[in-house]
Protein backbone atom coordinates (compact mmCIF):
# COMPACT_ATOMS: atom_id res chain seq x y z
CA MET A 1 11.49 -5.46 23.03
CA ALA A 2 11.54 -7.62 19.89
CA MET A 3 7.75 -7.86 19.91
CA ARG A 4 7.22 -4.39 18.39
CA PRO A 5 9.35 -5.02 15.30
CA LEU A 6 7.71 -8.42 14.94
CA VAL A 7 4.25 -6.78 14.91
CA GLY A 8 5.46 -4.33 12.26
CA MET A 9 6.98 -7.09 10.18
CA ILE A 10 3.82 -9.21 10.31
CA LEU A 11 1.39 -6.36 9.57
CA ALA A 12 3.47 -4.91 6.76
CA SER A 13 4.14 -8.37 5.28
CA LEU A 14 0.46 -9.28 5.27
CA TRP A 15 -0.48 -5.99 3.65
CA LEU A 16 2.37 -6.19 1.18
CA GLY A 17 1.26 -9.67 0.12
CA ALA A 18 -2.32 -8.48 -0.41
CA ALA A 19 -1.19 -5.38 -2.32
CA LEU A 20 1.14 -7.35 -4.58
CA LEU A 21 -1.52 -10.01 -5.20
CA LEU A 22 -3.97 -7.30 -6.21
CA ALA A 23 -1.52 -5.40 -8.39
CA GLY A 24 0.20 -8.38 -9.94
CA SER A 25 -2.61 -10.87 -10.36
CA VAL A 26 -6.15 -9.83 -9.50
CA ALA A 27 -6.34 -6.50 -11.35
CA PRO A 28 -4.63 -7.70 -14.55
CA THR A 29 -6.75 -10.87 -14.59
CA VAL A 30 -10.00 -8.99 -14.05
CA PHE A 31 -9.21 -6.48 -16.78
CA ALA A 32 -8.19 -9.29 -19.15
CA THR A 33 -11.21 -11.53 -18.57
CA LEU A 34 -14.24 -9.33 -17.96
CA PRO A 35 -16.01 -8.06 -21.07
CA SER A 36 -15.60 -4.35 -20.29
CA HIS A 37 -13.24 -2.04 -18.46
CA VAL A 38 -16.23 -0.58 -16.61
CA MET A 39 -17.02 -3.97 -15.06
CA ALA A 40 -13.36 -4.69 -14.33
CA GLY A 41 -12.91 -1.27 -12.78
CA ALA A 42 -15.97 -1.85 -10.61
CA VAL A 43 -14.53 -5.13 -9.28
CA VAL A 44 -11.10 -3.66 -8.58
CA GLY A 45 -12.79 -0.55 -7.17
CA HIS A 46 -14.48 -2.72 -4.54
CA VAL A 47 -11.21 -4.37 -3.53
CA LEU A 48 -9.04 -1.25 -3.36
CA PRO A 49 -10.74 0.32 -0.30
CA VAL A 50 -9.96 -2.81 1.72
CA VAL A 51 -6.31 -2.62 0.68
CA PHE A 52 -6.04 1.13 1.20
CA LEU A 53 -7.82 1.19 4.57
CA SER A 54 -5.86 -1.79 5.89
CA GLY A 55 -2.66 -0.04 4.76
CA LEU A 56 -3.70 3.16 6.48
CA PHE A 57 -4.44 1.37 9.75
CA GLY A 58 -1.40 -0.89 9.41
CA GLY A 59 0.86 2.11 8.97
CA VAL A 60 -0.67 3.83 11.99
CA ILE A 61 -0.32 0.72 14.17
CA VAL A 62 3.28 0.10 13.12
CA ALA A 63 4.22 3.75 13.63
CA ALA A 64 2.55 3.83 17.04
CA THR A 65 4.21 0.62 18.23
CA ALA A 66 7.60 1.73 16.91
CA LEU A 67 7.34 5.19 18.50
CA GLN A 68 8.15 3.85 21.94
CA GLY A 69 11.90 4.06 22.11
CA ALA A 70 12.13 5.74 18.70
CA GLN A 71 15.49 7.26 19.59
CA ALA A 72 17.25 4.38 17.86
CA THR A 73 17.89 5.17 14.21
CA GLY A 74 16.24 1.97 12.95
CA ARG A 75 13.09 2.69 14.91
CA ARG A 76 12.90 6.28 13.69
CA ALA A 77 13.25 5.04 10.13
CA ARG A 78 10.57 2.39 10.73
CA VAL A 79 8.23 5.07 12.11
CA GLY A 80 8.93 7.27 9.10
CA PHE A 81 8.30 4.56 6.52
CA ALA A 82 5.21 3.36 8.39
CA VAL A 83 3.87 6.92 8.26
CA VAL A 84 4.61 7.12 4.52
CA TRP A 85 2.88 3.74 4.00
CA GLY A 86 -0.22 4.79 5.94
CA LEU A 87 -0.30 8.29 4.48
CA ALA A 88 -0.01 7.01 0.91
CA CYS A 89 -2.91 4.63 1.50
CA GLY A 90 -4.94 7.41 3.11
CA VAL A 91 -4.30 9.78 0.20
CA ALA A 92 -5.26 7.06 -2.28
CA GLN A 93 -8.47 6.25 -0.41
CA PHE A 94 -9.65 9.69 0.69
CA VAL A 95 -8.21 12.07 -1.92
CA VAL A 96 -7.63 10.34 -5.26
CA THR A 97 -10.35 7.67 -5.21
CA PRO A 98 -13.20 10.15 -4.58
CA ARG A 99 -11.96 12.30 -7.48
CA ILE A 100 -11.95 9.25 -9.74
CA HIS A 101 -15.49 8.35 -8.66
CA GLN A 102 -16.72 11.91 -9.23
CA LEU A 103 -15.23 11.92 -12.69
CA GLN A 104 -16.74 8.53 -13.52
CA MET A 105 -20.15 9.79 -12.43
CA ALA A 106 -19.73 12.88 -14.61
CA ILE A 107 -18.75 10.73 -17.59
CA GLY A 108 -21.72 8.43 -16.99
CA GLY A 109 -20.31 5.58 -19.04
CA SER A 110 -17.07 4.07 -20.15
CA VAL A 111 -13.96 6.22 -20.19
CA ASP A 112 -12.94 4.18 -23.24
CA ALA A 113 -15.90 5.62 -25.15
CA LEU A 114 -14.46 9.12 -24.88
CA ALA A 115 -12.19 10.56 -27.54
CA ARG A 116 -8.50 10.32 -26.66
CA ASP A 117 -8.21 14.10 -26.44
CA ASP A 118 -11.39 14.55 -24.35
CA VAL A 119 -10.45 16.50 -21.22
CA ARG A 120 -12.32 14.03 -18.99
CA ARG A 121 -10.34 11.11 -20.40
CA VAL A 122 -7.07 13.00 -19.95
CA VAL A 123 -7.97 13.87 -16.35
CA PHE A 124 -9.02 10.25 -15.70
CA SER A 125 -5.68 9.01 -17.05
CA ARG A 126 -3.81 11.44 -14.80
CA LEU A 127 -5.82 10.39 -11.75
CA HIS A 128 -5.29 6.73 -12.61
CA GLY A 129 -1.55 7.36 -12.90
CA THR A 130 -1.58 9.24 -9.61
CA ILE A 131 -3.30 6.42 -7.73
CA LEU A 132 -0.88 3.89 -9.23
CA GLY A 133 2.05 6.07 -8.16
CA VAL A 134 0.71 6.53 -4.64
CA PHE A 135 0.01 2.78 -4.41
CA GLY A 136 3.59 2.12 -5.56
CA ILE A 137 4.92 4.44 -2.86
CA ALA A 138 2.84 2.57 -0.26
CA ILE A 139 4.18 -0.77 -1.48
CA ILE A 140 7.80 0.43 -1.33
CA ALA A 141 7.30 1.96 2.13
CA ALA A 142 5.67 -1.22 3.46
CA ALA A 143 8.54 -3.29 2.03
CA VAL A 144 11.05 -1.05 3.81
CA VAL A 145 9.05 -1.45 7.04
CA VAL A 146 9.33 -5.24 6.64
CA ILE A 147 13.09 -5.01 6.08
CA LEU A 148 13.67 -2.62 8.99
CA SER A 149 11.43 -4.67 11.27
CA LEU A 150 13.27 -7.84 10.31
CA HIS A 151 16.57 -6.13 11.05
CA ASP A 152 15.29 -4.87 14.42
CA THR A 153 13.86 -8.29 15.29
CA ARG A 154 17.19 -9.95 14.55
CA ALA A 155 19.08 -7.27 16.46
CA HIS A 156 17.00 -7.95 19.58
CA THR A 157 17.01 -11.75 19.34
CA PRO A 158 19.67 -13.49 21.40
CA ASN A 159 22.28 -15.16 19.24
CA SER A 160 21.32 -18.80 19.03
CA SER A 161 24.44 -19.97 17.23
CA PRO A 162 26.72 -22.22 19.23
CA SER A 163 29.67 -20.53 20.82
CA ARG A 164 33.13 -21.41 19.63
CA THR A 165 35.60 -22.86 22.04
CA PRO A 166 39.34 -22.51 21.48
């Protein structure tokens, strides 16, 4: 019984680590060190699909494994947050990312070269904010999956503390 929450905890923890490494270290470093935002965006743009697709599949796997016996409140919550995690990653990968790519192709160069009030730059900024927001939702949902899975794992693990004798 404790195996399902353990699977959820491991999958969500691995994904969460990768997502936080990307958001907190890789992306800022790439944008700070490469000579142009176009190049930095291209690098991060090649990493994001791996993170988004693994989050989508991780969310599906965790939800599917938690569905068995989902009558317990903790399991229902884990299913719900796993669905939010996977759905957020799917929306980022299959809805927002293609719109960003289409806009970049239409611009044909650096977004930074556009005037601040250029409609394409404004739309790009909104899409960028949207993908960051959706990514943030995925990170929060995956973190909740880890917490709920940890709680479920502990709830199903026999107490290993020594018993007290009077």
